[in-house]
């Protein structure tokens, strides 16, 4: 049995979960999210906890058990607390700014790179750190990855855009001729 799937999800104060035929709607103080369900997985709520159970013991049901529980847990955490991902811009002359609903990156190209900020996400800049905030863990992570792809960190000097907690494996440069 899935160890993750067996754990019940405790609902924080102010979070409501509605089970419909093929959709689960999670509503909280930060917003509302909708998740699709799987026919091999059932959900039941009792005493402020949600239990995720599988219909039978087939391979598909076992695969979906932990996944569906994690997706529902991420939705509950997202609408109650929210998610954030912090990126760090490292390099001489490299800058990041948020202008309206656009993120502007000056990362060594001949022009500034402007990226449209999705409606459900927000961004904050503090020096050379860019923080992406939102209620959907998937959307926050995907947008942060798209920004990182503009200029990934390089292994020699470490210049580029990296996650705050990311470790960059450094390489030794060329040695001079003697």
Protein backbone atom coordinates (compact mmCIF):
# COMPACT_ATOMS: atom_id res chain seq x y z
CA UNK A 1 0.00 0.00 0.00
CA UNK A 2 1.18 3.51 -0.76
CA UNK A 3 2.72 5.11 2.33
CA UNK A 4 1.90 8.58 1.05
CA UNK A 5 -1.62 7.59 -0.04
CA UNK A 6 -2.46 6.19 3.42
CA UNK A 7 -1.83 9.51 5.22
CA UNK A 8 -5.00 11.55 5.84
CA UNK A 9 -5.05 15.22 4.80
CA UNK A 10 -5.93 17.55 7.68
CA UNK A 11 -7.95 20.54 6.54
CA UNK A 12 -6.73 23.87 7.96
CA UNK A 13 -9.19 26.45 9.24
CA UNK A 14 -11.01 28.29 6.45
CA UNK A 15 -10.47 25.63 3.75
CA UNK A 16 -13.49 23.97 2.11
CA UNK A 17 -13.37 20.92 -0.15
CA UNK A 18 -16.29 19.99 -2.42
CA UNK A 19 -16.38 16.61 -4.16
CA UNK A 20 -18.26 16.59 -7.47
CA UNK A 21 -18.52 13.86 -10.09
CA UNK A 22 -15.14 14.31 -11.80
CA UNK A 23 -13.78 17.43 -10.09
CA UNK A 24 -12.65 18.36 -6.59
CA UNK A 25 -12.93 22.06 -5.74
CA UNK A 26 -10.71 23.39 -2.97
CA UNK A 27 -11.53 26.86 -1.67
CA UNK A 28 -9.53 28.81 0.90
CA UNK A 29 -8.48 32.30 1.97
CA UNK A 30 -5.96 32.69 -0.90
CA UNK A 31 -8.19 31.46 -3.74
CA UNK A 32 -9.82 28.45 -5.36
CA UNK A 33 -8.37 25.45 -7.22
CA UNK A 34 -10.04 22.61 -9.13
CA UNK A 35 -8.55 19.12 -9.48
CA UNK A 36 -9.65 16.28 -11.72
CA UNK A 37 -10.37 12.90 -10.15
CA UNK A 38 -9.55 9.38 -11.26
CA UNK A 39 -12.17 6.60 -11.44
CA UNK A 40 -9.93 4.19 -9.47
CA UNK A 41 -9.64 6.58 -6.48
CA UNK A 42 -12.34 7.51 -3.93
CA UNK A 43 -12.34 10.34 -1.41
CA UNK A 44 -14.13 10.62 1.91
CA UNK A 45 -14.16 13.37 4.50
CA UNK A 46 -14.73 12.88 8.20
CA UNK A 47 -13.92 15.08 11.21
CA UNK A 48 -11.89 17.66 9.26
CA UNK A 49 -9.72 15.03 7.53
CA UNK A 50 -9.79 13.72 3.98
CA UNK A 51 -8.98 10.09 3.29
CA UNK A 52 -7.86 9.00 -0.19
CA UNK A 53 -8.60 5.34 -0.95
CA UNK A 54 -8.39 3.14 -4.01
CA UNK A 55 -11.26 1.12 -5.45
CA UNK A 56 -9.26 -2.03 -6.20
CA UNK A 57 -5.65 -3.24 -6.11
CA UNK A 58 -4.80 -2.94 -9.80
CA UNK A 59 -1.55 -1.41 -10.99
CA UNK A 60 -3.27 1.78 -12.22
CA UNK A 61 -5.02 2.25 -8.87
CA UNK A 62 -1.75 1.79 -6.97
CA UNK A 63 0.00 4.28 -9.28
CA UNK A 64 -2.73 6.89 -8.81
CA UNK A 65 -3.13 6.49 -5.04
CA UNK A 66 -0.11 8.49 -3.85
CA UNK A 67 -0.28 10.89 -6.79
CA UNK A 68 -3.90 11.95 -6.20
CA UNK A 69 -3.31 12.35 -2.46
CA UNK A 70 -0.26 14.56 -3.11
CA UNK A 71 -2.11 16.69 -5.68
CA UNK A 72 -5.00 17.23 -3.25
CA UNK A 73 -2.58 18.03 -0.40
CA UNK A 74 -0.75 20.58 -2.60
CA UNK A 75 -4.09 22.21 -3.47
CA UNK A 76 -5.05 22.44 0.23
CA UNK A 77 -1.67 23.97 1.16
CA UNK A 78 -1.83 26.32 -1.84
CA UNK A 79 -5.21 27.85 -0.99
CA UNK A 80 -4.31 28.20 2.69
CA UNK A 81 -0.63 29.28 2.65
CA UNK A 82 0.46 29.55 -1.00
CA UNK A 83 3.74 28.56 -2.64
CA UNK A 84 6.85 30.53 -3.51
CA UNK A 85 10.00 29.88 -5.49
CA UNK A 86 13.02 32.17 -5.25
CA UNK A 87 15.50 32.67 -8.08
CA UNK A 88 18.87 34.41 -7.81
CA UNK A 89 20.42 36.38 -10.68
CA UNK A 90 24.23 36.24 -10.50
CA UNK A 91 26.59 38.11 -12.81
CA UNK A 92 28.19 41.50 -13.37
CA UNK A 93 25.51 43.86 -14.68
CA UNK A 94 22.76 41.23 -14.41
CA UNK A 95 19.49 42.74 -13.13
CA UNK A 96 15.90 41.73 -12.63
CA UNK A 97 12.83 43.97 -12.29
CA UNK A 98 9.05 43.62 -12.20
CA UNK A 99 7.23 46.23 -14.27
CA UNK A 100 3.46 45.87 -14.09
CA UNK A 101 2.65 42.34 -15.20
CA UNK A 102 6.07 41.73 -16.82
CA UNK A 103 9.33 40.42 -15.46
CA UNK A 104 12.30 42.16 -17.10
CA UNK A 105 15.66 40.37 -17.12
CA UNK A 106 18.97 41.97 -18.08
CA UNK A 107 21.23 38.94 -18.23
CA UNK A 108 23.99 39.65 -20.73
CA UNK A 109 22.01 39.72 -23.97
CA UNK A 110 21.98 42.76 -26.27
CA UNK A 111 18.38 43.43 -25.18
CA UNK A 112 16.37 43.02 -21.97
CA UNK A 113 14.25 39.84 -21.90
CA UNK A 114 10.63 40.53 -20.95
CA UNK A 115 8.38 37.71 -19.75
CA UNK A 116 4.64 38.05 -19.25
CA UNK A 117 3.54 37.20 -15.69
CA UNK A 118 0.46 34.90 -15.65
CA UNK A 119 -2.66 36.32 -13.95
CA UNK A 120 -2.65 33.80 -11.11
CA UNK A 121 1.01 34.48 -10.16
CA UNK A 122 2.78 37.46 -8.65
CA UNK A 123 6.47 38.37 -8.40
CA UNK A 124 8.63 40.36 -6.00
CA UNK A 125 12.20 41.59 -6.43
CA UNK A 126 14.67 42.15 -3.62
CA UNK A 127 18.09 43.11 -4.96
CA UNK A 128 19.16 40.26 -7.23
CA UNK A 129 16.52 37.82 -5.92
CA UNK A 130 13.21 37.22 -7.72
CA UNK A 131 10.40 35.51 -5.79
CA UNK A 132 7.47 33.94 -7.66
CA UNK A 133 4.28 33.58 -5.57
CA UNK A 134 1.04 31.69 -6.29
CA UNK A 135 -1.47 29.13 -5.04
CA UNK A 136 -0.67 26.38 -7.55
CA UNK A 137 2.61 24.58 -6.89
CA UNK A 138 2.73 23.36 -10.49
CA UNK A 139 2.26 26.84 -12.00
CA UNK A 140 4.81 28.48 -9.66
CA UNK A 141 7.42 25.81 -10.42
CA UNK A 142 6.84 25.88 -14.17
CA UNK A 143 7.10 29.68 -14.40
CA UNK A 144 10.27 29.69 -12.28
CA UNK A 145 11.77 27.04 -14.58
CA UNK A 146 10.89 29.13 -17.66
CA UNK A 147 12.68 32.13 -16.16
CA UNK A 148 15.71 29.99 -15.27
CA UNK A 149 15.90 28.73 -18.88
CA UNK A 150 16.57 32.30 -20.11
CA UNK A 151 20.15 32.08 -18.75
CA UNK A 152 20.95 28.85 -16.85
CA UNK A 153 23.95 29.02 -14.50
CA UNK A 154 27.25 28.11 -16.12
CA UNK A 155 29.80 25.91 -14.31
CA UNK A 156 32.93 28.08 -14.62
CA UNK A 157 32.02 31.41 -13.02
CA UNK A 158 28.51 30.54 -11.81
CA UNK A 159 26.89 33.36 -13.80
CA UNK A 160 23.23 33.03 -14.69
CA UNK A 161 19.85 32.49 -13.05
CA UNK A 162 19.68 29.80 -10.38
CA UNK A 163 17.26 28.70 -7.68
CA UNK A 164 18.15 30.09 -4.25
CA UNK A 165 18.83 26.64 -2.74
CA UNK A 166 20.52 25.21 -5.88
CA UNK A 167 24.15 24.11 -5.70
CA UNK A 168 26.17 24.68 -8.87
CA UNK A 169 28.95 22.19 -9.51
CA UNK A 170 31.95 24.27 -10.45
CA UNK A 171 34.61 23.24 -12.96
CA UNK A 172 38.23 24.29 -13.05
CA UNK A 173 39.09 26.61 -15.94
CA UNK A 174 41.97 26.24 -18.37
CA UNK A 175 45.42 26.34 -16.91
CA UNK A 176 47.87 28.78 -18.43
CA UNK A 177 50.81 27.70 -20.63
CA UNK A 178 54.18 27.68 -18.84
